[in-house]
Amino acid sequence: QYNGNPGTIVLQGIPFATYDAYFYALSGDADNRVGRFVIGEETRWILNSSALPLPENDGFGYVEAVTTTVPTSVADVEEGNYVKFSNLTGSSLDVEFVAEGADVIVDSDGAPRLKFAGFQLVGVLAPSLQISWENATHLKLTWPASANGYVLKSTATLEGPWTTVDITPTPEGDNLTVTLPVDAASAFYLLEK
């Protein structure tokens, strides 16, 4: 991608309910190659430089660029050779990428450059829900705190309807927990996004 004109990637038929998207830029051949990748309202900025090693076939040498605010100079953008968008949903994805930013390197024709090298979609497994006895009258439900966007739901029968459990989870280490009283009726629980 060059000259400040945006490029677009349109992906359809994505088989994952939730996934992470990685976008890679070629590094190691020039300094100050600045650009951005945009999905919906989220933007990730990237700065390539000759100081970054070329990634090896064994997976080493990759550095995530994590800048999300509009830079005013190259110094405002963290170096990296890939950006990551987490917990995406939907069977299609539109991505815009463009070389731009203050102090961007230009080639002999005066155009800024961002060498887009490829992308990867990685399916994210739904978080597991653990249920244990807190005591003789209460259940403790536990799931990873990293399960962004998931809501605890319950029902009396597997056919539903499923309703949101109206209790705010409590952080406990790397987990979230909810303690519920046990009554005589059956209950089923799940995490839903």
C-alpha atoms as a PDB file:
ATOM      1  CA  GLN A   1       0.000   0.000   0.000  1.00  0.00           C
ATOM      2  CA  TYR A   2       1.400   3.382  -0.864  1.00  0.00           C
ATOM      3  CA  ASN A   3       0.727   7.023  -1.571  1.00  0.00           C
ATOM      4  CA  GLY A   4      -1.823   7.435   1.257  1.00  0.00           C
ATOM      5  CA  ASN A   5      -4.572   5.704  -0.722  1.00  0.00           C
ATOM      6  CA  PRO A   6      -6.396   3.158   1.432  1.00  0.00           C
ATOM      7  CA  GLY A   7      -6.516  -0.491   0.496  1.00  0.00           C
ATOM      8  CA  THR A   8      -9.402  -2.730   1.492  1.00  0.00           C
ATOM      9  CA  ILE A   9      -9.642  -6.412   2.343  1.00  0.00           C
ATOM     10  CA  VAL A  10     -13.091  -8.007   2.357  1.00  0.00           C
ATOM     11  CA  LEU A  11     -13.371 -11.475   3.889  1.00  0.00           C
ATOM     12  CA  GLN A  12     -16.564 -13.535   3.704  1.00  0.00           C
ATOM     13  CA  GLY A  13     -17.617 -16.954   4.939  1.00  0.00           C
ATOM     14  CA  ILE A  14     -15.589 -16.754   8.150  1.00  0.00           C
ATOM     15  CA  PRO A  15     -16.291 -20.059   9.948  1.00  0.00           C
ATOM     16  CA  PHE A  16     -15.617 -18.901  13.521  1.00  0.00           C
ATOM     17  CA  ALA A  17     -18.213 -17.491  15.937  1.00  0.00           C
ATOM     18  CA  THR A  18     -15.473 -15.449  17.646  1.00  0.00           C
ATOM     19  CA  TYR A  19     -11.988 -14.872  16.261  1.00  0.00           C
ATOM     20  CA  ASP A  20      -8.853 -12.747  16.435  1.00  0.00           C
ATOM     21  CA  ALA A  21      -7.485 -11.107  13.276  1.00  0.00           C
ATOM     22  CA  TYR A  22      -3.756 -10.532  12.753  1.00  0.00           C
ATOM     23  CA  PHE A  23      -2.375  -8.274  10.009  1.00  0.00           C
ATOM     24  CA  TYR A  24       1.325  -8.401   9.159  1.00  0.00           C
ATOM     25  CA  ALA A  25       3.613  -5.807   7.596  1.00  0.00           C
ATOM     26  CA  LEU A  26       7.021  -6.541   6.097  1.00  0.00           C
ATOM     27  CA  SER A  27       9.782  -5.209   8.299  1.00  0.00           C
ATOM     28  CA  GLY A  28      13.528  -4.929   8.080  1.00  0.00           C
ATOM     29  CA  ASP A  29      14.021  -3.020   4.833  1.00  0.00           C
ATOM     30  CA  ALA A  30      13.390   0.642   5.750  1.00  0.00           C
ATOM     31  CA  ASP A  31      12.754   2.988   8.656  1.00  0.00           C
ATOM     32  CA  ASN A  32       9.589   4.872   9.593  1.00  0.00           C
ATOM     33  CA  ARG A  33       7.025   2.971   7.558  1.00  0.00           C
ATOM     34  CA  VAL A  34       3.888   4.094   9.399  1.00  0.00           C
ATOM     35  CA  GLY A  35       0.347   3.024   8.656  1.00  0.00           C
ATOM     36  CA  ARG A  36      -2.945   1.983  10.137  1.00  0.00           C
ATOM     37  CA  PHE A  37      -5.378  -0.912   9.954  1.00  0.00           C
ATOM     38  CA  VAL A  38      -9.057  -0.213  10.629  1.00  0.00           C
ATOM     39  CA  ILE A  39     -11.936  -2.595  11.407  1.00  0.00           C
ATOM     40  CA  GLY A  40     -15.202  -0.805  12.183  1.00  0.00           C
ATOM     41  CA  GLU A  41     -14.450   1.805  14.847  1.00  0.00           C
ATOM     42  CA  GLU A  42     -11.148   0.224  15.929  1.00  0.00           C
ATOM     43  CA  THR A  43      -7.791   1.436  14.586  1.00  0.00           C
ATOM     44  CA  ARG A  44      -4.319  -0.019  15.102  1.00  0.00           C
ATOM     45  CA  TRP A  45      -1.225   1.935  14.060  1.00  0.00           C
ATOM     46  CA  ILE A  46       1.988   0.224  13.020  1.00  0.00           C
ATOM     47  CA  LEU A  47       5.596   1.407  12.629  1.00  0.00           C
ATOM     48  CA  ASN A  48       8.072  -0.728  10.714  1.00  0.00           C
ATOM     49  CA  SER A  49      11.771  -0.085  10.860  1.00  0.00           C
ATOM     50  CA  SER A  50      15.015  -1.700   9.810  1.00  0.00           C
ATOM     51  CA  ALA A  51      15.695  -2.331  13.525  1.00  0.00           C
ATOM     52  CA  LEU A  52      12.990  -5.014  13.598  1.00  0.00           C
ATOM     53  CA  PRO A  53      14.259  -8.438  12.585  1.00  0.00           C
ATOM     54  CA  LEU A  54      12.644 -10.280   9.727  1.00  0.00           C
ATOM     55  CA  PRO A  55      10.445 -12.948  11.325  1.00  0.00           C
ATOM     56  CA  GLU A  56      11.774 -16.481  11.171  1.00  0.00           C
ATOM     57  CA  ASN A  57       9.873 -19.514   9.902  1.00  0.00           C
ATOM     58  CA  ASP A  58       9.826 -20.854  13.465  1.00  0.00           C
ATOM     59  CA  GLY A  59       7.556 -18.006  14.628  1.00  0.00           C
ATOM     60  CA  PHE A  60      10.195 -15.881  16.337  1.00  0.00           C
ATOM     61  CA  GLY A  61      10.758 -12.233  15.473  1.00  0.00           C
ATOM     62  CA  TYR A  62       7.139 -11.063  15.524  1.00  0.00           C
ATOM     63  CA  VAL A  63       6.456  -7.869  17.498  1.00  0.00           C
ATOM     64  CA  GLU A  64       2.910  -6.610  18.096  1.00  0.00           C
ATOM     65  CA  ALA A  65       2.261  -2.924  17.419  1.00  0.00           C
ATOM     66  CA  VAL A  66      -0.269  -1.740  20.001  1.00  0.00           C
ATOM     67  CA  THR A  67      -0.746   1.991  19.265  1.00  0.00           C
ATOM     68  CA  THR A  68      -4.457   2.866  19.018  1.00  0.00           C
ATOM     69  CA  THR A  69      -4.392   6.682  19.091  1.00  0.00           C
ATOM     70  CA  VAL A  70      -3.730   8.990  16.144  1.00  0.00           C
ATOM     71  CA  PRO A  71       0.001   9.786  16.125  1.00  0.00           C
ATOM     72  CA  THR A  72       1.427  13.257  15.572  1.00  0.00           C
ATOM     73  CA  SER A  73       4.914  11.907  14.844  1.00  0.00           C
ATOM     74  CA  VAL A  74       6.725   8.624  14.306  1.00  0.00           C
ATOM     75  CA  ALA A  75       7.754   8.744  17.991  1.00  0.00           C
ATOM     76  CA  ASP A  76       4.070   8.281  18.943  1.00  0.00           C
ATOM     77  CA  VAL A  77       3.825   4.862  17.259  1.00  0.00           C
ATOM     78  CA  GLU A  78       5.256   1.709  18.814  1.00  0.00           C
ATOM     79  CA  GLU A  79       7.402  -0.427  16.541  1.00  0.00           C
ATOM     80  CA  GLY A  80       5.952  -3.693  15.370  1.00  0.00           C
ATOM     81  CA  ASN A  81       5.402  -5.929  12.388  1.00  0.00           C
ATOM     82  CA  TYR A  82       1.818  -6.957  13.116  1.00  0.00           C
ATOM     83  CA  VAL A  83      -1.396  -5.682  14.687  1.00  0.00           C
ATOM     84  CA  LYS A  84      -4.121  -7.725  16.374  1.00  0.00           C
ATOM     85  CA  PHE A  85      -7.878  -7.201  16.656  1.00  0.00           C
ATOM     86  CA  SER A  86      -9.408  -9.426  19.358  1.00  0.00           C
ATOM     87  CA  ASN A  87     -12.772 -11.094  19.881  1.00  0.00           C
ATOM     88  CA  LEU A  88     -14.287 -10.237  16.506  1.00  0.00           C
ATOM     89  CA  THR A  89     -17.606 -11.762  15.471  1.00  0.00           C
ATOM     90  CA  GLY A  90     -19.545 -12.127  12.238  1.00  0.00           C
ATOM     91  CA  SER A  91     -19.091 -14.162   9.078  1.00  0.00           C
ATOM     92  CA  SER A  92     -17.666 -11.236   7.089  1.00  0.00           C
ATOM     93  CA  LEU A  93     -14.948  -8.691   7.777  1.00  0.00           C
ATOM     94  CA  ASP A  94     -13.963  -5.426   6.068  1.00  0.00           C
ATOM     95  CA  VAL A  95     -10.457  -4.136   6.778  1.00  0.00           C
ATOM     96  CA  GLU A  96      -8.956  -0.863   5.589  1.00  0.00           C
ATOM     97  CA  PHE A  97      -5.207  -0.286   5.611  1.00  0.00           C
ATOM     98  CA  VAL A  98      -3.238   2.781   4.600  1.00  0.00           C
ATOM     99  CA  ALA A  99       0.280   4.217   4.798  1.00  0.00           C
ATOM    100  CA  GLU A 100       0.139   7.588   6.500  1.00  0.00           C
ATOM    101  CA  GLY A 101       1.170   9.628   9.493  1.00  0.00           C
ATOM    102  CA  ALA A 102       3.621  12.366  10.336  1.00  0.00           C
ATOM    103  CA  ASP A 103       7.237  11.925   9.245  1.00  0.00           C
ATOM    104  CA  VAL A 104       6.388   8.886   7.107  1.00  0.00           C
ATOM    105  CA  ILE A 105       9.198   7.607   4.931  1.00  0.00           C
ATOM    106  CA  VAL A 106       8.687   8.162   1.242  1.00  0.00           C
ATOM    107  CA  ASP A 107      10.264   6.308  -1.642  1.00  0.00           C
ATOM    108  CA  SER A 108      11.989   7.925  -4.626  1.00  0.00           C
ATOM    109  CA  ASP A 109       8.604   8.870  -6.113  1.00  0.00           C
ATOM    110  CA  GLY A 110       7.647  10.726  -2.901  1.00  0.00           C
ATOM    111  CA  ALA A 111       4.953   8.247  -1.873  1.00  0.00           C
ATOM    112  CA  PRO A 112       4.587   6.810   1.672  1.00  0.00           C
ATOM    113  CA  ARG A 113       4.828   3.026   1.930  1.00  0.00           C
ATOM    114  CA  LEU A 114       3.320   0.323   4.159  1.00  0.00           C
ATOM    115  CA  LYS A 115       4.288  -3.156   3.014  1.00  0.00           C
ATOM    116  CA  PHE A 116       1.291  -5.334   3.854  1.00  0.00           C
ATOM    117  CA  ALA A 117       2.522  -8.933   4.041  1.00  0.00           C
ATOM    118  CA  GLY A 118      -0.533 -10.996   4.990  1.00  0.00           C
ATOM    119  CA  PHE A 119      -3.248 -11.764   7.505  1.00  0.00           C
ATOM    120  CA  GLN A 120      -4.401 -14.579   9.759  1.00  0.00           C
ATOM    121  CA  LEU A 121      -7.739 -15.370  11.422  1.00  0.00           C
ATOM    122  CA  VAL A 122      -7.617 -17.474  14.572  1.00  0.00           C
ATOM    123  CA  GLY A 123     -10.800 -18.910  16.073  1.00  0.00           C
ATOM    124  CA  VAL A 124     -11.319 -18.174  19.764  1.00  0.00           C
ATOM    125  CA  LEU A 125     -12.816 -20.937  21.844  1.00  0.00           C
ATOM    126  CA  ALA A 126     -15.729 -20.057  24.063  1.00  0.00           C
ATOM    127  CA  PRO A 127     -14.633 -19.769  27.687  1.00  0.00           C
ATOM    128  CA  SER A 128     -15.330 -22.661  30.011  1.00  0.00           C
ATOM    129  CA  LEU A 129     -17.742 -22.270  32.896  1.00  0.00           C
ATOM    130  CA  GLN A 130     -16.860 -24.126  36.087  1.00  0.00           C
ATOM    131  CA  ILE A 131     -19.525 -24.895  38.670  1.00  0.00           C
ATOM    132  CA  SER A 132     -18.628 -25.965  42.204  1.00  0.00           C
ATOM    133  CA  TRP A 133     -20.176 -25.977  45.663  1.00  0.00           C
ATOM    134  CA  GLU A 134     -19.399 -22.838  47.667  1.00  0.00           C
ATOM    135  CA  ASN A 135     -21.101 -24.401  50.702  1.00  0.00           C
ATOM    136  CA  ALA A 136     -24.175 -26.563  51.398  1.00  0.00           C
ATOM    137  CA  THR A 137     -26.598 -23.897  50.159  1.00  0.00           C
ATOM    138  CA  HIS A 138     -24.699 -22.022  47.411  1.00  0.00           C
ATOM    139  CA  LEU A 139     -23.066 -22.755  44.036  1.00  0.00           C
ATOM    140  CA  LYS A 140     -20.008 -20.913  42.792  1.00  0.00           C
ATOM    141  CA  LEU A 141     -19.773 -20.280  39.024  1.00  0.00           C
ATOM    142  CA  THR A 142     -16.319 -19.334  37.702  1.00  0.00           C
ATOM    143  CA  TRP A 143     -15.023 -18.327  34.252  1.00  0.00           C
ATOM    144  CA  PRO A 144     -11.938 -16.503  32.868  1.00  0.00           C
ATOM    145  CA  ALA A 145     -11.914 -12.718  33.323  1.00  0.00           C
ATOM    146  CA  SER A 146     -10.498 -12.503  29.785  1.00  0.00           C
ATOM    147  CA  ALA A 147     -13.884 -13.650  28.406  1.00  0.00           C
ATOM    148  CA  ASN A 148     -14.822 -10.142  27.267  1.00  0.00           C
ATOM    149  CA  GLY A 149     -18.421  -9.672  26.223  1.00  0.00           C
ATOM    150  CA  TYR A 150     -19.736 -12.960  27.637  1.00  0.00           C
ATOM    151  CA  VAL A 151     -22.843 -12.916  29.821  1.00  0.00           C
ATOM    152  CA  LEU A 152     -23.913 -15.574  32.332  1.00  0.00           C
ATOM    153  CA  LYS A 153     -27.363 -16.984  31.526  1.00  0.00           C
ATOM    154  CA  SER A 154     -29.601 -19.585  33.151  1.00  0.00           C
ATOM    155  CA  THR A 155     -32.715 -21.630  32.433  1.00  0.00           C
ATOM    156  CA  ALA A 156     -34.844 -24.264  34.163  1.00  0.00           C
ATOM    157  CA  THR A 157     -34.847 -26.523  31.069  1.00  0.00           C
ATOM    158  CA  LEU A 158     -32.342 -26.994  28.250  1.00  0.00           C
ATOM    159  CA  GLU A 159     -34.995 -25.864  25.773  1.00  0.00           C
ATOM    160  CA  GLY A 160     -34.970 -22.407  27.389  1.00  0.00           C
ATOM    161  CA  PRO A 161     -35.754 -19.639  27.474  1.00  0.00           C
ATOM    162  CA  TRP A 162     -32.308 -18.508  28.656  1.00  0.00           C
ATOM    163  CA  THR A 163     -32.256 -15.363  30.815  1.00  0.00           C
ATOM    164  CA  THR A 164     -29.362 -13.228  31.998  1.00  0.00           C
ATOM    165  CA  VAL A 165     -28.302 -13.851  35.599  1.00  0.00           C
ATOM    166  CA  ASP A 166     -28.723 -10.439  37.192  1.00  0.00           C
ATOM    167  CA  ILE A 167     -25.715 -10.553  39.533  1.00  0.00           C
ATOM    168  CA  THR A 168     -22.487  -8.633  38.914  1.00  0.00           C
ATOM    169  CA  PRO A 169     -19.518 -11.046  38.769  1.00  0.00           C
ATOM    170  CA  THR A 170     -16.777 -10.641  41.381  1.00  0.00           C
ATOM    171  CA  PRO A 171     -13.122 -10.596  40.228  1.00  0.00           C
ATOM    172  CA  GLU A 172     -11.085 -13.382  41.822  1.00  0.00           C
ATOM    173  CA  GLY A 173      -7.533 -13.632  40.489  1.00  0.00           C
ATOM    174  CA  ASP A 174      -7.715 -14.235  36.718  1.00  0.00           C
ATOM    175  CA  ASN A 175     -11.381 -15.257  36.996  1.00  0.00           C
ATOM    176  CA  LEU A 176     -14.848 -13.859  37.502  1.00  0.00           C
ATOM    177  CA  THR A 177     -17.182 -15.565  39.966  1.00  0.00           C
ATOM    178  CA  VAL A 178     -20.859 -15.534  40.848  1.00  0.00           C
ATOM    179  CA  THR A 179     -22.280 -17.243  43.923  1.00  0.00           C
ATOM    180  CA  LEU A 180     -25.911 -18.364  43.664  1.00  0.00           C
ATOM    181  CA  PRO A 181     -28.282 -19.910  46.211  1.00  0.00           C
ATOM    182  CA  VAL A 182     -29.382 -23.460  45.491  1.00  0.00           C
ATOM    183  CA  ASP A 183     -33.127 -24.161  45.482  1.00  0.00           C
ATOM    184  CA  ALA A 184     -35.074 -27.351  44.862  1.00  0.00           C
ATOM    185  CA  ALA A 185     -35.574 -26.642  41.126  1.00  0.00           C
ATOM    186  CA  SER A 186     -33.092 -27.693  38.431  1.00  0.00           C
ATOM    187  CA  ALA A 187     -31.065 -24.980  36.759  1.00  0.00           C
ATOM    188  CA  PHE A 188     -28.700 -24.892  33.772  1.00  0.00           C
ATOM    189  CA  TYR A 189     -26.036 -22.235  33.126  1.00  0.00           C
ATOM    190  CA  LEU A 190     -24.018 -21.044  30.143  1.00  0.00           C
ATOM    191  CA  LEU A 191     -21.884 -18.140  28.961  1.00  0.00           C
ATOM    192  CA  GLU A 192     -23.199 -16.373  25.880  1.00  0.00           C
ATOM    193  CA  LYS A 193     -21.826 -13.569  23.772  1.00  0.00           C
END
